Amino acid sequence: MSTTQSERLRELLEPLVSSQGLDLEEISVDSVGRKRVLSVVVDSDTGADLDQIADVSRALSAKLDETDAMGEGEYTLEVGTPGAERPLKEHRHYVRAVGRLVKFQLTEGGEVVARILEVDDEGLDVEVPGVKGRKATSRRLAFSDIDKARVQVEFNRKDKKEEEA
């Protein structure tokens, strides 16, 4: 997809997504055989439920039908959320991931898997889980120290409420 089309689609669709109380995270157009698929990823601080996804999907579909932003050919519109193992790219992504376990690729090499405790304008306070009976350790990561970050799926994580009970 050309940068021009991507920018044009973002300008067209972002106000609609925002009006639904969501953030437009990603737009991509991929060819699948003869058809094209327009994928739109949305999110919010509280997440997006199925009703919100359906509402925004209808609004985007109507807007796209009244414009020529996708051209003449057929296309399929897919609207979804970032998913469980989302990459963290913007400040708001880190804020939304407070309490989650994240794998950080560091700019100087190496990686750290840690739970985000707090986020401010300069970086993060994280807790690195202890290994083999050792206690967890706290660490500060500046945003400039982070090359990539991705939320990790935890299947047997205990909620704070369960631990306090």
Protein backbone atom coordinates (compact mmCIF):
# COMPACT_ATOMS: atom_id res chain seq x y z
CA MET A 1 0.00 0.00 0.00
CA SER A 2 1.41 3.38 -0.91
CA THR A 3 2.14 5.88 1.81
CA THR A 4 -0.27 8.26 0.12
CA GLN A 5 -3.14 5.76 0.29
CA SER A 6 -2.25 4.89 3.88
CA GLU A 7 -2.23 8.54 4.91
CA ARG A 8 -5.47 9.19 3.03
CA LEU A 9 -7.19 6.23 4.70
CA ARG A 10 -5.93 7.29 8.13
CA GLU A 11 -7.19 10.87 7.61
CA LEU A 12 -10.55 9.54 6.46
CA LEU A 13 -11.07 6.86 9.13
CA GLU A 14 -9.38 8.23 12.27
CA PRO A 15 -12.12 10.79 13.09
CA LEU A 16 -14.76 8.05 12.86
CA VAL A 17 -12.78 5.71 15.10
CA SER A 18 -12.17 8.53 17.61
CA SER A 19 -15.87 9.42 17.63
CA GLN A 20 -16.52 5.86 18.86
CA GLY A 21 -14.13 6.40 21.81
CA LEU A 22 -11.35 4.30 20.27
CA ASP A 23 -7.82 4.87 18.96
CA LEU A 24 -6.87 3.93 15.41
CA GLU A 25 -3.74 1.81 15.90
CA GLU A 26 -3.02 0.36 12.45
CA ILE A 27 -4.26 0.29 8.89
CA SER A 28 -3.06 -2.16 6.26
CA VAL A 29 -4.23 -3.21 2.81
CA ASP A 30 -3.19 -6.66 1.62
CA SER A 31 -3.98 -8.51 -1.59
CA VAL A 32 -5.45 -11.97 -1.20
CA GLY A 33 -5.84 -13.43 -4.64
CA ARG A 34 -7.93 -10.96 -6.62
CA LYS A 35 -9.44 -9.37 -3.54
CA ARG A 36 -7.98 -6.82 -1.21
CA VAL A 37 -8.33 -6.86 2.56
CA LEU A 38 -8.40 -3.60 4.51
CA SER A 39 -7.41 -4.39 8.09
CA VAL A 40 -8.11 -1.76 10.75
CA VAL A 41 -6.82 -2.24 14.30
CA VAL A 42 -8.48 -0.24 17.07
CA ASP A 43 -8.03 -0.07 20.84
CA SER A 44 -8.71 2.07 23.90
CA ASP A 45 -7.50 2.41 27.48
CA THR A 46 -10.27 0.05 28.59
CA GLY A 47 -10.09 -2.24 25.56
CA ALA A 48 -12.70 -2.61 22.84
CA ASP A 49 -15.66 -4.96 23.21
CA LEU A 50 -17.52 -6.69 20.38
CA ASP A 51 -20.30 -4.09 20.31
CA GLN A 52 -17.77 -1.27 19.87
CA ILE A 53 -15.98 -3.23 17.13
CA ALA A 54 -19.30 -3.81 15.32
CA ASP A 55 -20.30 -0.13 15.64
CA VAL A 56 -16.99 1.16 14.33
CA SER A 57 -17.00 -1.45 11.56
CA ARG A 58 -20.42 -0.25 10.35
CA ALA A 59 -19.33 3.41 10.51
CA LEU A 60 -16.09 2.72 8.59
CA SER A 61 -17.90 0.62 5.99
CA ALA A 62 -20.46 3.38 5.35
CA LYS A 63 -17.72 6.01 5.04
CA LEU A 64 -15.66 3.88 2.68
CA ASP A 65 -18.76 3.17 0.53
CA GLU A 66 -19.40 6.89 0.04
CA THR A 67 -15.80 7.67 -0.95
CA ASP A 68 -13.37 6.25 -3.49
CA ALA A 69 -10.61 5.71 -0.92
CA MET A 70 -10.39 2.00 -1.78
CA GLY A 71 -10.84 2.47 -5.52
CA GLU A 72 -13.16 0.49 -7.76
CA GLY A 73 -12.19 -3.11 -6.97
CA GLU A 74 -13.72 -5.38 -4.35
CA TYR A 75 -12.28 -5.42 -0.86
CA THR A 76 -13.05 -6.88 2.54
CA LEU A 77 -13.02 -4.72 5.66
CA GLU A 78 -11.69 -6.37 8.83
CA VAL A 79 -11.82 -4.47 12.13
CA GLY A 80 -10.16 -5.90 15.24
CA THR A 81 -8.00 -5.26 18.28
CA PRO A 82 -4.22 -5.63 18.64
CA GLY A 83 -4.42 -9.08 20.25
CA ALA A 84 -2.85 -10.65 23.30
CA GLU A 85 0.80 -10.38 22.27
CA ARG A 86 0.64 -6.84 20.99
CA PRO A 87 3.81 -4.87 20.27
CA LEU A 88 4.22 -1.73 22.39
CA LYS A 89 5.19 1.24 20.23
CA GLU A 90 3.61 4.35 21.69
CA HIS A 91 3.44 5.79 25.20
CA ARG A 92 -0.26 4.92 25.49
CA HIS A 93 0.54 1.27 24.70
CA TYR A 94 2.89 1.08 27.68
CA VAL A 95 0.30 2.74 29.94
CA ARG A 96 -2.29 0.18 28.85
CA ALA A 97 0.16 -2.64 29.61
CA VAL A 98 0.72 -1.72 33.27
CA GLY A 99 0.57 -4.96 35.25
CA ARG A 100 1.40 -7.10 32.20
CA LEU A 101 4.49 -9.18 31.56
CA VAL A 102 6.50 -7.79 28.63
CA LYS A 103 9.57 -8.94 26.70
CA PHE A 104 11.87 -6.00 26.03
CA GLN A 105 14.56 -6.06 23.32
CA LEU A 106 17.14 -3.54 24.49
CA THR A 107 18.91 -1.09 22.18
CA GLU A 108 22.33 -2.17 23.51
CA GLY A 109 21.51 -5.83 22.92
CA GLY A 110 19.99 -8.46 25.14
CA GLU A 111 16.49 -8.77 26.43
CA VAL A 112 14.56 -8.44 29.66
CA VAL A 113 11.25 -10.05 30.56
CA ALA A 114 9.55 -7.98 33.25
CA ARG A 115 6.19 -6.78 34.54
CA ILE A 116 5.40 -3.10 33.99
CA LEU A 117 4.67 -1.42 37.32
CA GLU A 118 4.52 2.25 36.38
CA VAL A 119 4.95 4.45 33.30
CA ASP A 120 5.93 8.12 33.11
CA ASP A 121 7.14 10.43 30.33
CA GLU A 122 10.77 9.21 30.48
CA GLY A 123 10.35 5.45 30.89
CA LEU A 124 9.12 2.54 32.95
CA ASP A 125 9.51 0.99 36.36
CA VAL A 126 9.47 -2.77 35.94
CA GLU A 127 9.73 -5.85 38.12
CA VAL A 128 11.94 -8.66 36.84
CA PRO A 129 10.58 -11.99 38.16
CA GLY A 130 12.92 -14.00 40.36
CA VAL A 131 14.33 -17.23 38.99
CA LYS A 132 14.79 -20.45 40.97
CA GLY A 133 13.50 -19.13 44.29
CA ARG A 134 15.15 -15.72 44.06
CA LYS A 135 13.15 -12.59 44.79
CA ALA A 136 11.94 -10.35 42.03
CA THR A 137 14.03 -7.23 41.38
CA SER A 138 12.96 -3.74 40.41
CA ARG A 139 14.50 -1.97 37.45
CA ARG A 140 14.11 1.30 35.58
CA LEU A 141 14.02 1.30 31.77
CA ALA A 142 14.20 4.55 29.83
CA PHE A 143 12.26 4.57 26.56
CA SER A 144 15.58 5.20 24.78
CA ASP A 145 16.85 1.84 26.18
CA ILE A 146 14.02 -0.09 24.50
CA ASP A 147 14.31 -1.22 20.89
CA LYS A 148 11.18 -3.41 20.84
CA ALA A 149 8.61 -4.50 23.41
CA ARG A 150 5.90 -7.13 23.18
CA VAL A 151 3.29 -8.19 25.74
CA GLN A 152 3.62 -11.85 26.78
CA VAL A 153 0.70 -14.22 27.24
CA GLU A 154 0.42 -15.61 30.75
CA PHE A 155 -1.71 -18.71 31.16
CA ASN A 156 -1.36 -19.23 34.90
CA ARG A 157 -1.03 -15.70 36.20
CA LYS A 158 -2.69 -14.98 39.52
CA ASP A 159 -4.69 -11.76 39.79
CA LYS A 160 -3.81 -9.35 42.58
CA LYS A 161 -7.28 -9.95 44.05
CA GLU A 162 -6.61 -13.69 44.28
CA GLU A 163 -3.21 -13.11 45.93
CA GLU A 164 -4.68 -10.73 48.52
CA ALA A 165 -7.52 -13.11 49.44
